[in-house]
């Protein structure tokens, strides 16, 4: 694969492929197999030596059980369990959402 050029720099700097792989407790070989690429290519993408492609980032999102935008903009290692909590809240129906919000507000009021 070709090396990245200066025009690729932004794309090479704006992803959390390694962090999502680590968050899902996968080694490079396991992740690469799920994504459908070889381990070397995944390593080069994670190390920002080559740019990812749209099909690769979409396959990674499936492999890591997240959304494409999360790989591009959310570091799960820094956010910790907040990432999983937010996903639960986002997926809650209206009644559960109101209950979670009420619980959260109650907890905040205690502290």
N, C-alpha and C. Protein backbone atom coordinates (compact mmCIF):
# COMPACT_ATOMS: atom_id res chain seq x y z
N UNK A 1 0.83 -1.18 0.00
CA UNK A 1 0.00 0.00 0.00
C UNK A 1 0.88 1.24 0.00
N UNK A 2 0.38 2.29 -0.56
CA UNK A 2 1.13 3.54 -0.66
C UNK A 2 1.17 4.25 0.69
N UNK A 3 2.24 4.94 0.90
CA UNK A 3 2.37 5.74 2.12
C UNK A 3 1.44 6.95 2.05
N UNK A 4 1.09 7.45 3.20
CA UNK A 4 0.20 8.61 3.27
C UNK A 4 0.94 9.86 2.82
N UNK A 5 0.23 10.75 2.21
CA UNK A 5 0.78 12.05 1.82
C UNK A 5 0.31 13.09 2.83
N UNK A 6 0.81 14.31 2.70
CA UNK A 6 0.38 15.36 3.62
C UNK A 6 -1.12 15.60 3.55
N UNK A 7 -1.71 15.40 2.36
CA UNK A 7 -3.15 15.61 2.24
C UNK A 7 -3.94 14.56 3.01
N UNK A 8 -3.30 13.42 3.33
CA UNK A 8 -3.97 12.37 4.09
C UNK A 8 -3.87 12.59 5.59
N UNK A 9 -3.07 13.54 6.04
CA UNK A 9 -2.76 13.70 7.45
C UNK A 9 -4.01 13.81 8.31
N UNK A 10 -4.98 14.61 7.90
CA UNK A 10 -6.17 14.78 8.72
C UNK A 10 -6.89 13.45 8.90
N UNK A 11 -7.08 12.70 7.83
CA UNK A 11 -7.75 11.42 7.93
C UNK A 11 -6.95 10.46 8.81
N UNK A 12 -5.64 10.49 8.69
CA UNK A 12 -4.81 9.60 9.47
C UNK A 12 -4.86 9.93 10.96
N UNK A 13 -5.16 11.16 11.31
CA UNK A 13 -5.14 11.56 12.71
C UNK A 13 -6.50 11.45 13.40
N UNK A 14 -7.54 11.21 12.65
CA UNK A 14 -8.87 11.32 13.26
C UNK A 14 -9.60 9.98 13.34
N UNK A 15 -9.03 9.06 14.08
CA UNK A 15 -9.75 7.82 14.34
C UNK A 15 -9.24 7.17 15.62
N UNK A 16 -10.07 6.31 16.14
CA UNK A 16 -9.73 5.59 17.37
C UNK A 16 -9.84 4.09 17.13
N UNK A 17 -9.26 3.63 16.03
CA UNK A 17 -9.32 2.20 15.68
C UNK A 17 -8.67 1.35 16.77
N UNK A 18 -7.47 1.70 17.18
CA UNK A 18 -6.77 0.92 18.19
C UNK A 18 -7.54 0.92 19.52
N UNK A 19 -8.02 2.08 19.89
CA UNK A 19 -8.71 2.20 21.17
C UNK A 19 -9.98 1.37 21.20
N UNK A 20 -10.74 1.36 20.11
CA UNK A 20 -11.95 0.53 20.06
C UNK A 20 -11.61 -0.95 20.08
N UNK A 21 -10.53 -1.32 19.39
CA UNK A 21 -10.10 -2.73 19.41
C UNK A 21 -9.74 -3.13 20.84
N UNK A 22 -8.97 -2.28 21.50
CA UNK A 22 -8.58 -2.57 22.88
C UNK A 22 -9.79 -2.59 23.82
N UNK A 23 -10.70 -1.66 23.61
CA UNK A 23 -11.92 -1.60 24.42
C UNK A 23 -12.71 -2.90 24.31
N UNK A 24 -12.71 -3.50 23.14
CA UNK A 24 -13.42 -4.77 22.92
C UNK A 24 -12.56 -5.99 23.24
N UNK A 25 -11.36 -5.72 23.76
CA UNK A 25 -10.44 -6.76 24.20
C UNK A 25 -10.11 -7.76 23.09
N UNK A 26 -9.78 -7.20 21.93
CA UNK A 26 -9.38 -8.01 20.79
C UNK A 26 -7.92 -7.75 20.47
N UNK A 27 -7.20 -8.79 20.05
CA UNK A 27 -5.85 -8.55 19.56
C UNK A 27 -5.96 -8.18 18.08
N UNK A 28 -4.86 -7.76 17.49
CA UNK A 28 -4.92 -7.32 16.10
C UNK A 28 -5.36 -8.43 15.16
N UNK A 29 -4.92 -9.63 15.41
CA UNK A 29 -5.29 -10.75 14.54
C UNK A 29 -6.80 -10.98 14.57
N UNK A 30 -7.38 -11.01 15.76
CA UNK A 30 -8.83 -11.21 15.89
C UNK A 30 -9.60 -10.08 15.21
N UNK A 31 -9.18 -8.85 15.46
CA UNK A 31 -9.87 -7.70 14.88
C UNK A 31 -9.75 -7.70 13.36
N UNK A 32 -8.56 -7.95 12.85
CA UNK A 32 -8.34 -7.95 11.41
C UNK A 32 -9.22 -9.01 10.73
N UNK A 33 -9.34 -10.15 11.35
CA UNK A 33 -10.19 -11.21 10.79
C UNK A 33 -11.65 -10.76 10.74
N UNK A 34 -12.12 -10.13 11.80
CA UNK A 34 -13.50 -9.63 11.81
C UNK A 34 -13.73 -8.54 10.77
N UNK A 35 -12.73 -7.70 10.57
CA UNK A 35 -12.84 -6.59 9.62
C UNK A 35 -12.69 -7.07 8.18
N UNK A 36 -11.93 -8.15 8.00
CA UNK A 36 -11.71 -8.68 6.65
C UNK A 36 -10.46 -8.15 6.00
N UNK A 37 -9.47 -7.81 6.83
CA UNK A 37 -8.17 -7.35 6.32
C UNK A 37 -7.09 -8.13 7.04
N UNK A 38 -5.84 -7.99 6.58
CA UNK A 38 -4.77 -8.70 7.29
C UNK A 38 -4.27 -7.87 8.47
N UNK A 39 -3.63 -8.54 9.39
CA UNK A 39 -3.17 -7.91 10.62
C UNK A 39 -2.20 -6.76 10.34
N UNK A 40 -1.34 -6.94 9.36
CA UNK A 40 -0.36 -5.90 9.01
C UNK A 40 -1.06 -4.62 8.57
N UNK A 41 -2.09 -4.76 7.75
CA UNK A 41 -2.84 -3.58 7.29
C UNK A 41 -3.50 -2.88 8.47
N UNK A 42 -4.11 -3.66 9.36
CA UNK A 42 -4.73 -3.06 10.54
C UNK A 42 -3.70 -2.32 11.37
N UNK A 43 -2.54 -2.92 11.56
CA UNK A 43 -1.48 -2.26 12.32
C UNK A 43 -1.05 -0.95 11.68
N UNK A 44 -0.96 -0.93 10.38
CA UNK A 44 -0.56 0.30 9.68
C UNK A 44 -1.64 1.37 9.81
N UNK A 45 -2.89 0.96 9.77
CA UNK A 45 -3.98 1.93 9.96
C UNK A 45 -3.95 2.47 11.39
N UNK A 46 -3.83 1.56 12.36
CA UNK A 46 -3.79 1.99 13.76
C UNK A 46 -2.61 2.92 14.04
N UNK A 47 -1.49 2.67 13.39
CA UNK A 47 -0.30 3.50 13.58
C UNK A 47 -0.28 4.72 12.67
N UNK A 48 -1.36 4.89 11.92
CA UNK A 48 -1.54 6.04 11.03
C UNK A 48 -0.46 6.14 9.95
N UNK A 49 0.00 4.97 9.53
CA UNK A 49 0.96 4.92 8.42
C UNK A 49 0.24 4.86 7.08
N UNK A 50 -0.98 4.34 7.07
CA UNK A 50 -1.82 4.37 5.88
C UNK A 50 -3.21 4.81 6.29
N UNK A 51 -3.95 5.33 5.34
CA UNK A 51 -5.30 5.81 5.61
C UNK A 51 -6.29 4.65 5.59
N UNK A 52 -7.32 4.75 6.39
CA UNK A 52 -8.42 3.79 6.32
C UNK A 52 -9.28 4.12 5.12
N UNK A 53 -10.08 3.16 4.69
CA UNK A 53 -11.06 3.41 3.64
C UNK A 53 -12.44 3.35 4.27
N UNK A 54 -13.42 3.85 3.57
CA UNK A 54 -14.79 3.81 4.08
C UNK A 54 -15.24 2.38 4.37
N UNK A 55 -15.01 1.42 3.45
CA UNK A 55 -15.41 0.04 3.76
C UNK A 55 -14.72 -0.53 5.00
N UNK A 56 -13.45 -0.16 5.21
CA UNK A 56 -12.74 -0.66 6.39
C UNK A 56 -13.31 -0.06 7.66
N UNK A 57 -13.57 1.23 7.66
CA UNK A 57 -14.10 1.86 8.88
C UNK A 57 -15.49 1.34 9.18
N UNK A 58 -16.28 1.06 8.15
CA UNK A 58 -17.62 0.50 8.36
C UNK A 58 -17.54 -0.93 8.89
N UNK A 59 -16.61 -1.72 8.36
CA UNK A 59 -16.43 -3.09 8.86
C UNK A 59 -15.91 -3.09 10.29
N UNK A 60 -15.05 -2.12 10.61
CA UNK A 60 -14.53 -2.01 11.98
C UNK A 60 -15.65 -1.67 12.95
N UNK A 61 -16.56 -0.81 12.54
CA UNK A 61 -17.69 -0.46 13.40
C UNK A 61 -18.53 -1.71 13.72
N UNK A 62 -18.74 -2.54 12.73
CA UNK A 62 -19.48 -3.79 12.96
C UNK A 62 -18.66 -4.70 13.88
N UNK A 63 -17.38 -4.82 13.60
CA UNK A 63 -16.50 -5.69 14.40
C UNK A 63 -16.42 -5.24 15.85
N UNK A 64 -16.48 -3.94 16.08
CA UNK A 64 -16.33 -3.40 17.44
C UNK A 64 -17.67 -3.04 18.08
N UNK A 65 -18.77 -3.40 17.42
CA UNK A 65 -20.11 -3.14 17.94
C UNK A 65 -20.30 -1.67 18.33
N UNK A 66 -19.97 -0.81 17.40
CA UNK A 66 -20.16 0.62 17.62
C UNK A 66 -20.57 1.25 16.30
N UNK A 67 -20.72 2.55 16.30
CA UNK A 67 -21.06 3.29 15.10
C UNK A 67 -19.78 3.83 14.45
N UNK A 68 -19.83 4.02 13.15
CA UNK A 68 -18.68 4.56 12.44
C UNK A 68 -18.21 5.88 13.04
N UNK A 69 -19.15 6.76 13.34
CA UNK A 69 -18.77 8.07 13.88
C UNK A 69 -18.06 7.93 15.23
N UNK A 70 -18.37 6.85 15.97
CA UNK A 70 -17.70 6.67 17.25
C UNK A 70 -16.22 6.33 17.05
N UNK A 71 -15.91 5.53 16.04
CA UNK A 71 -14.50 5.23 15.76
C UNK A 71 -13.76 6.50 15.36
N UNK A 72 -14.46 7.38 14.69
CA UNK A 72 -13.83 8.61 14.22
C UNK A 72 -13.77 9.70 15.28
N UNK A 73 -14.63 9.63 16.29
CA UNK A 73 -14.68 10.76 17.21
C UNK A 73 -14.81 10.47 18.69
N UNK A 74 -14.79 9.22 19.10
CA UNK A 74 -14.96 8.92 20.53
C UNK A 74 -13.94 7.88 20.97
N UNK A 75 -13.11 8.26 21.90
CA UNK A 75 -12.12 7.35 22.45
C UNK A 75 -12.76 6.59 23.61
N UNK A 76 -13.05 5.31 23.44
CA UNK A 76 -13.72 4.57 24.50
C UNK A 76 -12.84 4.32 25.71
N UNK A 77 -11.53 4.41 25.55
CA UNK A 77 -10.64 4.19 26.68
C UNK A 77 -10.63 5.39 27.62
N UNK A 78 -10.86 6.58 27.10
CA UNK A 78 -10.94 7.77 27.94
C UNK A 78 -12.33 7.91 28.53
N UNK A 79 -13.34 7.56 27.75
CA UNK A 79 -14.72 7.71 28.20
C UNK A 79 -15.14 6.57 29.12
N UNK A 80 -14.40 5.46 29.09
CA UNK A 80 -14.69 4.33 29.96
C UNK A 80 -16.10 3.81 29.78
N UNK A 81 -16.74 3.50 30.86
CA UNK A 81 -18.07 2.92 30.82
C UNK A 81 -19.14 3.92 30.40
N UNK A 82 -18.78 5.19 30.33
CA UNK A 82 -19.73 6.20 29.88
C UNK A 82 -20.22 5.88 28.47
N UNK A 83 -19.33 5.37 27.63
CA UNK A 83 -19.70 5.01 26.25
C UNK A 83 -20.84 4.01 26.26
N UNK A 84 -20.72 2.97 27.07
CA UNK A 84 -21.76 1.94 27.12
C UNK A 84 -23.04 2.49 27.73
N UNK A 85 -22.90 3.34 28.75
CA UNK A 85 -24.09 3.93 29.38
C UNK A 85 -24.85 4.81 28.39
N UNK A 86 -24.12 5.63 27.66
CA UNK A 86 -24.76 6.51 26.67
C UNK A 86 -25.49 5.68 25.62
N UNK A 87 -24.89 4.58 25.19
CA UNK A 87 -25.53 3.72 24.19
C UNK A 87 -26.84 3.15 24.76
N UNK A 88 -26.86 2.79 26.02
CA UNK A 88 -28.08 2.28 26.65
C UNK A 88 -29.16 3.36 26.71
N UNK A 89 -28.75 4.56 27.11
CA UNK A 89 -29.70 5.66 27.20
C UNK A 89 -30.27 5.99 25.83
N UNK A 90 -29.39 6.05 24.83
CA UNK A 90 -29.84 6.36 23.47
C UNK A 90 -30.83 5.32 22.94
N UNK A 91 -30.68 4.09 23.38
CA UNK A 91 -31.55 3.02 22.90
C UNK A 91 -32.81 2.82 23.73
N UNK A 92 -32.96 3.57 24.81
CA UNK A 92 -34.11 3.40 25.70
C UNK A 92 -35.38 3.97 25.08
N UNK A 93 -36.50 3.31 25.37
CA UNK A 93 -37.78 3.88 24.93
C UNK A 93 -38.11 5.07 25.82
N UNK A 94 -39.17 5.80 25.49
CA UNK A 94 -39.49 7.04 26.21
C UNK A 94 -39.68 6.83 27.70
N UNK A 95 -40.41 5.79 28.08
CA UNK A 95 -40.67 5.54 29.51
C UNK A 95 -39.38 5.25 30.26
N UNK A 96 -38.53 4.38 29.69
CA UNK A 96 -37.27 4.05 30.34
C UNK A 96 -36.34 5.27 30.39
N UNK A 97 -36.36 6.07 29.32
CA UNK A 97 -35.53 7.27 29.30
C UNK A 97 -35.94 8.22 30.42
N UNK A 98 -37.25 8.44 30.58
CA UNK A 98 -37.72 9.33 31.66
C UNK A 98 -37.34 8.78 33.02
N UNK A 99 -37.42 7.46 33.19
CA UNK A 99 -37.05 6.84 34.46
C UNK A 99 -35.55 7.02 34.72
N UNK A 100 -34.73 6.78 33.71
CA UNK A 100 -33.28 6.98 33.87
C UNK A 100 -32.94 8.43 34.19
N UNK A 101 -33.58 9.35 33.50
CA UNK A 101 -33.34 10.76 33.74
C UNK A 101 -33.74 11.15 35.16
N UNK A 102 -34.88 10.66 35.61
CA UNK A 102 -35.32 10.93 36.98
C UNK A 102 -34.36 10.37 38.00
N UNK A 103 -33.88 9.16 37.75
CA UNK A 103 -32.91 8.53 38.65
C UNK A 103 -31.62 9.37 38.69
N UNK A 104 -31.15 9.78 37.51
CA UNK A 104 -29.93 10.58 37.43
C UNK A 104 -30.08 11.90 38.19
N UNK A 105 -31.19 12.56 37.98
CA UNK A 105 -31.41 13.84 38.67
C UNK A 105 -31.48 13.64 40.18
N UNK A 106 -32.09 12.57 40.61
CA UNK A 106 -32.15 12.26 42.03
C UNK A 106 -30.78 12.01 42.62
N UNK A 107 -29.94 11.28 41.89
CA UNK A 107 -28.59 11.01 42.35
C UNK A 107 -27.76 12.30 42.41
N UNK A 108 -27.93 13.17 41.44
CA UNK A 108 -27.20 14.43 41.43
C UNK A 108 -27.61 15.29 42.60
N UNK A 109 -28.89 15.28 42.92
CA UNK A 109 -29.39 16.12 44.02
C UNK A 109 -28.82 15.66 45.37
N UNK A 110 -28.54 14.37 45.51
CA UNK A 110 -27.98 13.83 46.76
C UNK A 110 -26.54 14.26 46.97
N UNK A 111 -25.85 14.57 45.89
CA UNK A 111 -24.42 14.88 46.00
C UNK A 111 -24.24 16.32 45.90
